[in-house]
Structures are given as structure tokens and as C-alpha cells.
């Protein structure tokens, strides 16, 4: 889940819970848009050291900027925004940071019963060998 909601800053993600491999839409209506920016770029980095950074031009439509990003296999990612005049919205130097959840492991539908067919066959052969040796 996101560490914090940044809705009040005009930063929205298409999903609340994020997993590695997800492709999400980032929507931005924040400070740069409110100041009249004609073009905005999304700056993305993963992990606490901003690894695999990207600068992605955002699409403008109906008063909002949007861009799609793929969530990489890290614990968190950060984003900030810059306009074509090199003005930045980086959340007052804190960036907009979101947690990436681990995908839940699916539990087996039924607890493994003693013995799948392969296990039963192996056990039966072992018992047969033991019987044959003891006779």
C-alpha cells in the first residue's frame, strides 16, 4: 500500500495496492499544473536510492497529466514531476514515495493429503522391497 496518500497534492495512482509487474497510471494535477505548465515529465526511481530512474513525458488531456509506469521488483518507489521550464514538484524535497507489496502466496486448495498418487506408489514400492527382504 502507499505509505501515504498524496491526493491533496494532485498525485493519484490507479491502484492502491501495488505489486511488482503491475502497470499503473499516474495522474498529476498538482502544483506545476496549477501554475500553468504546458508540459510535465514524470521522474521515477525505485528503492531508497532511486535505482532504474526514468524521465517519462506525461500525456495531457482534460486538465490532467497522465503516464503509465511498470512497477519493478523493489520495496518502494518514488516519483516527482518537472515541467518544460525546469520547475520541479518533489513534495518539498521529500518526493512522493509509495510502498510495493509482495504478492500473496496462494495457499494450496487442500492441505496435501498423505499421498498424491506418486507418493503412494513410492511408499508401496518401498514397503514391497522391505517385505521382500524380510521374508
N, C-alpha and C. Protein backbone atom coordinates (compact mmCIF):
# COMPACT_ATOMS: atom_id res chain seq x y z
N UNK A 1 0.84 -1.18 0.00
CA UNK A 1 0.00 0.00 0.00
C UNK A 1 0.88 1.24 0.00
N UNK A 2 0.31 2.31 -0.44
CA UNK A 2 1.04 3.56 -0.42
C UNK A 2 1.35 3.92 1.02
N UNK A 3 2.56 4.44 1.27
CA UNK A 3 2.91 4.87 2.62
C UNK A 3 1.99 6.01 3.04
N UNK A 4 1.58 6.78 2.07
CA UNK A 4 0.80 7.95 2.35
C UNK A 4 0.00 8.27 1.10
N UNK A 5 -1.14 8.87 1.29
CA UNK A 5 -1.93 9.32 0.15
C UNK A 5 -1.49 10.73 -0.20
N UNK A 6 -1.30 10.96 -1.48
CA UNK A 6 -0.89 12.29 -1.93
C UNK A 6 -1.99 12.94 -2.77
N UNK A 7 -3.22 12.49 -2.57
CA UNK A 7 -4.35 13.03 -3.32
C UNK A 7 -4.42 14.55 -3.20
N UNK A 8 -4.17 15.06 -1.98
CA UNK A 8 -4.27 16.51 -1.76
C UNK A 8 -3.20 17.28 -2.52
N UNK A 9 -2.14 16.59 -2.95
CA UNK A 9 -1.08 17.21 -3.75
C UNK A 9 -1.32 17.05 -5.25
N UNK A 10 -2.43 16.42 -5.61
CA UNK A 10 -2.72 16.21 -7.02
C UNK A 10 -1.95 15.05 -7.63
N UNK A 11 -1.55 14.09 -6.81
CA UNK A 11 -0.81 12.91 -7.28
C UNK A 11 -1.66 11.68 -6.98
N UNK A 12 -2.12 11.03 -8.03
CA UNK A 12 -3.01 9.87 -7.88
C UNK A 12 -2.45 8.67 -8.64
N UNK A 13 -2.60 7.50 -8.03
CA UNK A 13 -2.22 6.25 -8.69
C UNK A 13 -3.48 5.47 -9.00
N UNK A 14 -3.46 4.69 -10.08
CA UNK A 14 -4.65 3.94 -10.49
C UNK A 14 -4.95 2.76 -9.56
N UNK A 15 -3.99 2.36 -8.75
CA UNK A 15 -4.19 1.25 -7.81
C UNK A 15 -3.70 1.68 -6.43
N UNK A 16 -4.34 1.16 -5.39
CA UNK A 16 -3.91 1.45 -4.02
C UNK A 16 -2.86 0.45 -3.55
N UNK A 17 -3.00 -0.80 -3.91
CA UNK A 17 -2.02 -1.81 -3.55
C UNK A 17 -1.21 -2.13 -4.80
N UNK A 18 0.10 -2.01 -4.69
CA UNK A 18 0.99 -2.15 -5.84
C UNK A 18 1.85 -3.39 -5.70
N UNK A 19 2.00 -4.11 -6.82
CA UNK A 19 2.83 -5.30 -6.85
C UNK A 19 3.82 -5.20 -7.99
N UNK A 20 4.96 -5.84 -7.83
CA UNK A 20 5.96 -5.91 -8.88
C UNK A 20 5.30 -6.48 -10.14
N UNK A 21 5.56 -5.84 -11.27
CA UNK A 21 4.98 -6.28 -12.54
C UNK A 21 3.71 -5.54 -12.92
N UNK A 22 3.09 -4.86 -11.96
CA UNK A 22 1.88 -4.07 -12.28
C UNK A 22 2.23 -2.92 -13.22
N UNK A 23 1.30 -2.59 -14.07
CA UNK A 23 1.40 -1.36 -14.85
C UNK A 23 0.30 -0.45 -14.34
N UNK A 24 0.72 0.71 -13.85
CA UNK A 24 -0.23 1.62 -13.23
C UNK A 24 -0.23 2.96 -13.96
N UNK A 25 -1.32 3.68 -13.78
CA UNK A 25 -1.43 5.02 -14.35
C UNK A 25 -1.22 6.03 -13.23
N UNK A 26 -0.31 6.98 -13.46
CA UNK A 26 -0.08 8.09 -12.54
C UNK A 26 -0.80 9.29 -13.13
N UNK A 27 -1.64 9.91 -12.32
CA UNK A 27 -2.37 11.12 -12.74
C UNK A 27 -1.86 12.28 -11.90
N UNK A 28 -1.56 13.39 -12.58
CA UNK A 28 -0.99 14.54 -11.89
C UNK A 28 -1.78 15.81 -12.21
N UNK A 29 -2.26 16.47 -11.14
CA UNK A 29 -2.94 17.76 -11.26
C UNK A 29 -2.36 18.74 -10.25
N UNK A 30 -1.13 18.50 -9.84
CA UNK A 30 -0.51 19.24 -8.75
C UNK A 30 -0.01 20.63 -9.09
N UNK A 31 0.94 21.07 -8.31
CA UNK A 31 1.47 22.43 -8.32
C UNK A 31 1.86 22.92 -9.71
N UNK A 32 2.56 22.11 -10.47
CA UNK A 32 3.01 22.55 -11.80
C UNK A 32 1.83 22.80 -12.73
N UNK A 33 0.84 21.94 -12.67
CA UNK A 33 -0.36 22.11 -13.50
C UNK A 33 -1.11 23.37 -13.05
N UNK A 34 -1.23 23.54 -11.76
CA UNK A 34 -1.92 24.71 -11.21
C UNK A 34 -1.19 26.01 -11.55
N UNK A 35 0.12 25.90 -11.81
CA UNK A 35 0.92 27.08 -12.18
C UNK A 35 0.94 27.31 -13.69
N UNK A 36 0.21 26.47 -14.44
CA UNK A 36 0.08 26.67 -15.87
C UNK A 36 1.08 25.94 -16.75
N UNK A 37 1.71 24.88 -16.24
CA UNK A 37 2.68 24.12 -17.04
C UNK A 37 2.03 23.58 -18.30
N UNK A 38 2.76 23.72 -19.42
CA UNK A 38 2.24 23.21 -20.69
C UNK A 38 2.73 21.80 -20.97
N UNK A 39 3.73 21.38 -20.27
CA UNK A 39 4.26 20.03 -20.42
C UNK A 39 4.86 19.58 -19.10
N UNK A 40 4.65 18.31 -18.75
CA UNK A 40 5.15 17.77 -17.48
C UNK A 40 5.79 16.41 -17.74
N UNK A 41 6.90 16.18 -17.02
CA UNK A 41 7.59 14.89 -17.07
C UNK A 41 7.48 14.23 -15.71
N UNK A 42 7.33 12.93 -15.73
CA UNK A 42 7.29 12.13 -14.51
C UNK A 42 8.67 11.53 -14.31
N UNK A 43 9.29 11.81 -13.16
CA UNK A 43 10.58 11.23 -12.81
C UNK A 43 10.33 10.12 -11.80
N UNK A 44 10.80 8.90 -12.13
CA UNK A 44 10.53 7.71 -11.31
C UNK A 44 11.86 7.05 -10.93
N UNK A 45 11.95 6.59 -9.69
CA UNK A 45 13.10 5.83 -9.24
C UNK A 45 12.65 4.76 -8.26
N UNK A 46 13.35 3.64 -8.24
CA UNK A 46 12.95 2.50 -7.39
C UNK A 46 13.96 2.27 -6.27
N UNK A 47 13.43 1.81 -5.14
CA UNK A 47 14.27 1.59 -3.97
C UNK A 47 14.56 2.91 -3.28
N UNK A 48 15.26 2.84 -2.17
CA UNK A 48 15.54 4.07 -1.42
C UNK A 48 16.69 4.88 -2.04
N UNK A 49 17.33 4.34 -3.08
CA UNK A 49 18.43 5.04 -3.75
C UNK A 49 18.06 5.46 -5.19
N UNK A 50 16.79 5.41 -5.51
CA UNK A 50 16.30 5.81 -6.84
C UNK A 50 17.02 5.05 -7.96
N UNK A 51 16.97 3.74 -7.88
CA UNK A 51 17.57 2.90 -8.92
C UNK A 51 16.65 2.82 -10.13
N UNK A 52 17.21 2.48 -11.27
CA UNK A 52 16.47 2.39 -12.53
C UNK A 52 15.63 3.64 -12.79
N UNK A 53 16.23 4.83 -12.70
CA UNK A 53 15.46 6.06 -12.88
C UNK A 53 14.97 6.23 -14.32
N UNK A 54 13.81 6.85 -14.45
CA UNK A 54 13.23 7.16 -15.76
C UNK A 54 12.64 8.56 -15.72
N UNK A 55 12.71 9.23 -16.84
CA UNK A 55 12.04 10.52 -17.00
C UNK A 55 11.06 10.33 -18.15
N UNK A 56 9.77 10.36 -17.83
CA UNK A 56 8.73 9.99 -18.78
C UNK A 56 7.86 11.20 -19.10
N UNK A 57 7.74 11.54 -20.39
CA UNK A 57 6.82 12.63 -20.74
C UNK A 57 5.39 12.20 -20.45
N UNK A 58 4.63 13.09 -19.83
CA UNK A 58 3.25 12.77 -19.48
C UNK A 58 2.32 13.28 -20.57
N UNK A 59 1.19 12.59 -20.72
CA UNK A 59 0.16 12.98 -21.69
C UNK A 59 -0.80 13.95 -21.02
N UNK A 60 -1.21 14.97 -21.78
CA UNK A 60 -2.15 15.96 -21.25
C UNK A 60 -3.51 15.79 -21.90
N UNK A 61 -4.54 15.72 -21.06
CA UNK A 61 -5.91 15.63 -21.57
C UNK A 61 -6.88 16.09 -20.48
N UNK A 62 -7.78 16.95 -20.86
CA UNK A 62 -8.83 17.44 -19.95
C UNK A 62 -8.29 17.99 -18.63
N UNK A 63 -7.20 18.73 -18.68
CA UNK A 63 -6.68 19.40 -17.49
C UNK A 63 -5.82 18.56 -16.58
N UNK A 64 -5.50 17.33 -16.99
CA UNK A 64 -4.65 16.47 -16.16
C UNK A 64 -3.54 15.85 -17.01
N UNK A 65 -2.44 15.55 -16.36
CA UNK A 65 -1.34 14.84 -17.00
C UNK A 65 -1.35 13.40 -16.50
N UNK A 66 -1.09 12.45 -17.40
CA UNK A 66 -1.06 11.04 -17.03
C UNK A 66 0.13 10.35 -17.69
N UNK A 67 0.58 9.30 -17.06
CA UNK A 67 1.63 8.44 -17.62
C UNK A 67 1.48 7.06 -17.01
N UNK A 68 1.82 6.04 -17.78
CA UNK A 68 1.80 4.66 -17.29
C UNK A 68 3.23 4.25 -16.93
N UNK A 69 3.36 3.55 -15.81
CA UNK A 69 4.67 3.02 -15.43
C UNK A 69 4.52 1.57 -15.00
N UNK A 70 5.61 0.82 -15.17
CA UNK A 70 5.63 -0.56 -14.68
C UNK A 70 6.33 -0.58 -13.34
N UNK A 71 5.73 -1.28 -12.40
CA UNK A 71 6.30 -1.39 -11.06
C UNK A 71 7.36 -2.49 -11.08
N UNK A 72 8.58 -2.11 -10.71
CA UNK A 72 9.69 -3.07 -10.69
C UNK A 72 9.78 -3.75 -9.32
N UNK A 73 10.62 -4.75 -9.23
CA UNK A 73 10.72 -5.59 -8.03
C UNK A 73 11.59 -4.92 -6.95
N UNK A 74 11.02 -3.97 -6.26
CA UNK A 74 11.66 -3.27 -5.14
C UNK A 74 10.64 -3.16 -4.02
N UNK A 75 11.06 -2.64 -2.88
CA UNK A 75 10.15 -2.45 -1.76
C UNK A 75 9.36 -1.15 -1.87
N UNK A 76 9.92 -0.18 -2.61
CA UNK A 76 9.25 1.11 -2.75
C UNK A 76 9.70 1.80 -4.03
N UNK A 77 8.95 2.82 -4.40
CA UNK A 77 9.40 3.67 -5.50
C UNK A 77 8.99 5.10 -5.20
N UNK A 78 9.74 6.02 -5.79
CA UNK A 78 9.46 7.43 -5.60
C UNK A 78 9.22 8.10 -6.94
N UNK A 79 8.40 9.15 -6.90
CA UNK A 79 8.16 9.94 -8.10
C UNK A 79 8.22 11.42 -7.75
N UNK A 80 8.52 12.21 -8.76
CA UNK A 80 8.41 13.65 -8.68
C UNK A 80 8.15 14.14 -10.10
N UNK A 81 7.93 15.41 -10.27
CA UNK A 81 7.49 15.95 -11.55
C UNK A 81 8.30 17.18 -11.90
N UNK A 82 8.55 17.38 -13.19
CA UNK A 82 9.18 18.62 -13.65
C UNK A 82 8.46 19.10 -14.90
N UNK A 83 8.44 20.40 -15.06
CA UNK A 83 7.79 20.95 -16.26
C UNK A 83 8.85 21.31 -17.30
N UNK A 84 8.41 21.81 -18.43
CA UNK A 84 9.33 22.13 -19.53
C UNK A 84 10.22 23.33 -19.21
N UNK A 85 9.88 24.10 -18.17
CA UNK A 85 10.71 25.25 -17.75
C UNK A 85 11.67 24.86 -16.63
N UNK A 86 11.80 23.55 -16.36
CA UNK A 86 12.69 23.01 -15.33
C UNK A 86 12.26 23.34 -13.89
N UNK A 87 10.98 23.60 -13.69
CA UNK A 87 10.43 23.73 -12.34
C UNK A 87 10.07 22.33 -11.85
N UNK A 88 10.33 22.06 -10.57
CA UNK A 88 10.10 20.74 -10.02
C UNK A 88 9.02 20.75 -8.95
N UNK A 89 8.25 19.66 -8.90
CA UNK A 89 7.36 19.38 -7.78
C UNK A 89 7.86 18.06 -7.21
N UNK A 90 8.63 18.18 -6.12
CA UNK A 90 9.19 16.98 -5.47
C UNK A 90 8.70 16.87 -4.02
N UNK A 91 7.50 17.37 -3.77
CA UNK A 91 6.90 17.27 -2.45
C UNK A 91 7.81 17.92 -1.39
N UNK A 92 8.25 19.12 -1.70
CA UNK A 92 9.14 19.88 -0.80
C UNK A 92 10.40 19.10 -0.44
N UNK A 93 10.97 18.43 -1.42
CA UNK A 93 12.20 17.68 -1.23
C UNK A 93 12.02 16.27 -0.69
N UNK A 94 10.80 15.89 -0.40
CA UNK A 94 10.53 14.55 0.16
C UNK A 94 10.14 13.53 -0.89
N UNK A 95 9.88 13.96 -2.11
CA UNK A 95 9.36 13.12 -3.18
C UNK A 95 8.04 12.49 -2.77
N UNK A 96 7.41 11.83 -3.71
CA UNK A 96 6.17 11.10 -3.46
C UNK A 96 6.56 9.63 -3.45
N UNK A 97 6.53 9.03 -2.27
CA UNK A 97 7.07 7.67 -2.09
C UNK A 97 5.93 6.70 -1.80
N UNK A 98 5.97 5.55 -2.49
CA UNK A 98 4.93 4.53 -2.37
C UNK A 98 5.57 3.17 -2.10
N UNK A 99 4.93 2.37 -1.26
CA UNK A 99 5.39 1.02 -0.96
C UNK A 99 4.90 0.06 -2.04
N UNK A 100 5.71 -0.94 -2.29
CA UNK A 100 5.35 -2.02 -3.21
C UNK A 100 5.14 -3.27 -2.38
N UNK A 101 3.97 -3.86 -2.48
CA UNK A 101 3.64 -5.05 -1.68
C UNK A 101 4.19 -6.31 -2.33
N UNK A 102 4.41 -7.31 -1.48
CA UNK A 102 4.78 -8.62 -2.01
C UNK A 102 3.50 -9.32 -2.43
N UNK A 103 3.58 -10.02 -3.54
CA UNK A 103 2.39 -10.77 -3.99
C UNK A 103 2.09 -11.86 -2.99
N UNK A 104 0.80 -11.99 -2.63
CA UNK A 104 0.45 -13.05 -1.68
C UNK A 104 0.68 -14.42 -2.31
N UNK A 105 1.16 -15.34 -1.49
CA UNK A 105 1.37 -16.71 -1.96
C UNK A 105 0.03 -17.42 -1.85
N UNK A 106 -0.38 -18.04 -2.95
CA UNK A 106 -1.65 -18.76 -2.94
C UNK A 106 -1.50 -20.02 -2.10
N UNK A 107 -2.43 -20.21 -1.18
CA UNK A 107 -2.41 -21.43 -0.39
C UNK A 107 -2.96 -22.55 -1.25
N UNK A 108 -2.46 -23.75 -1.00
CA UNK A 108 -2.99 -24.88 -1.75
C UNK A 108 -4.44 -25.06 -1.39
N UNK A 109 -5.22 -25.46 -2.37
CA UNK A 109 -6.66 -25.57 -2.15
C UNK A 109 -7.00 -26.55 -1.04
N UNK A 110 -6.22 -27.58 -0.92
CA UNK A 110 -6.42 -28.52 0.19
C UNK A 110 -5.04 -28.88 0.70
N UNK A 111 -4.94 -29.07 1.98
CA UNK A 111 -3.65 -29.46 2.53
C UNK A 111 -3.27 -30.78 1.89
N UNK A 112 -1.99 -30.88 1.51
CA UNK A 112 -1.56 -32.10 0.85
C UNK A 112 -1.92 -33.30 1.71
N UNK A 113 -2.76 -34.13 1.16
CA UNK A 113 -3.11 -35.34 1.88
C UNK A 113 -1.91 -36.24 1.82
N UNK A 114 -1.83 -37.12 2.82
CA UNK A 114 -0.72 -38.03 2.70
C UNK A 114 -0.97 -38.78 1.43
N UNK A 115 -0.21 -38.38 0.55
CA UNK A 115 -0.15 -39.13 -0.62
C UNK A 115 -0.88 -38.72 -1.85
N UNK A 116 -0.13 -38.06 -2.64
CA UNK A 116 -0.56 -37.95 -4.01
C UNK A 116 -0.34 -39.35 -4.57
N UNK A 117 -0.80 -39.60 -5.76
CA UNK A 117 -0.64 -40.93 -6.36
C UNK A 117 0.83 -41.30 -6.45
N UNK A 118 1.69 -40.34 -6.81
CA UNK A 118 3.12 -40.63 -6.93
C UNK A 118 3.70 -41.01 -5.58
N UNK A 119 3.29 -40.29 -4.51
CA UNK A 119 3.79 -40.61 -3.19
C UNK A 119 3.34 -42.01 -2.75
N UNK A 120 2.07 -42.36 -3.02
CA UNK A 120 1.54 -43.66 -2.63
C UNK A 120 2.29 -44.77 -3.36
N UNK A 121 2.54 -44.56 -4.65
CA UNK A 121 3.25 -45.57 -5.42
C UNK A 121 4.65 -45.77 -4.86
N UNK A 122 5.35 -44.69 -4.55
CA UNK A 122 6.69 -44.80 -4.00
C UNK A 122 6.67 -45.52 -2.66
N UNK A 123 5.71 -45.17 -1.79
CA UNK A 123 5.61 -45.83 -0.48
C UNK A 123 5.29 -47.32 -0.64
N UNK A 124 4.41 -47.65 -1.57
CA UNK A 124 4.04 -49.05 -1.79
C UNK A 124 5.25 -49.84 -2.26
N UNK A 125 6.04 -49.27 -3.17
CA UNK A 125 7.24 -49.96 -3.66
C UNK A 125 8.23 -50.17 -2.53
N UNK A 126 8.39 -49.14 -1.69
CA UNK A 126 9.32 -49.25 -0.56
C UNK A 126 8.87 -50.35 0.39
N UNK A 127 7.57 -50.40 0.70
CA UNK A 127 7.04 -51.44 1.58
C UNK A 127 7.26 -52.82 0.96
N UNK A 128 7.03 -52.92 -0.34
CA UNK A 128 7.20 -54.21 -1.02
C UNK A 128 8.65 -54.66 -0.93
N UNK A 129 9.60 -53.75 -1.10
CA UNK A 129 11.02 -54.11 -1.02
C UNK A 129 11.38 -54.55 0.39
N UNK A 130 10.85 -53.84 1.38
CA UNK A 130 11.13 -54.19 2.77
C UNK A 130 10.57 -55.57 3.06
N UNK A 131 9.34 -55.85 2.61
CA UNK A 131 8.73 -57.17 2.83
C UNK A 131 9.55 -58.25 2.15
N UNK A 132 9.97 -57.97 0.91
CA UNK A 132 10.73 -58.97 0.16
C UNK A 132 12.03 -59.29 0.86
N UNK A 133 12.69 -58.34 1.48
CA UNK A 133 13.95 -58.56 2.15
C UNK A 133 13.76 -59.30 3.48
N UNK A 134 12.63 -59.06 4.12
CA UNK A 134 12.41 -59.68 5.43
C UNK A 134 11.89 -61.10 5.31
N UNK A 135 11.44 -61.51 4.17
CA UNK A 135 10.89 -62.87 4.02
C UNK A 135 11.98 -63.87 3.85
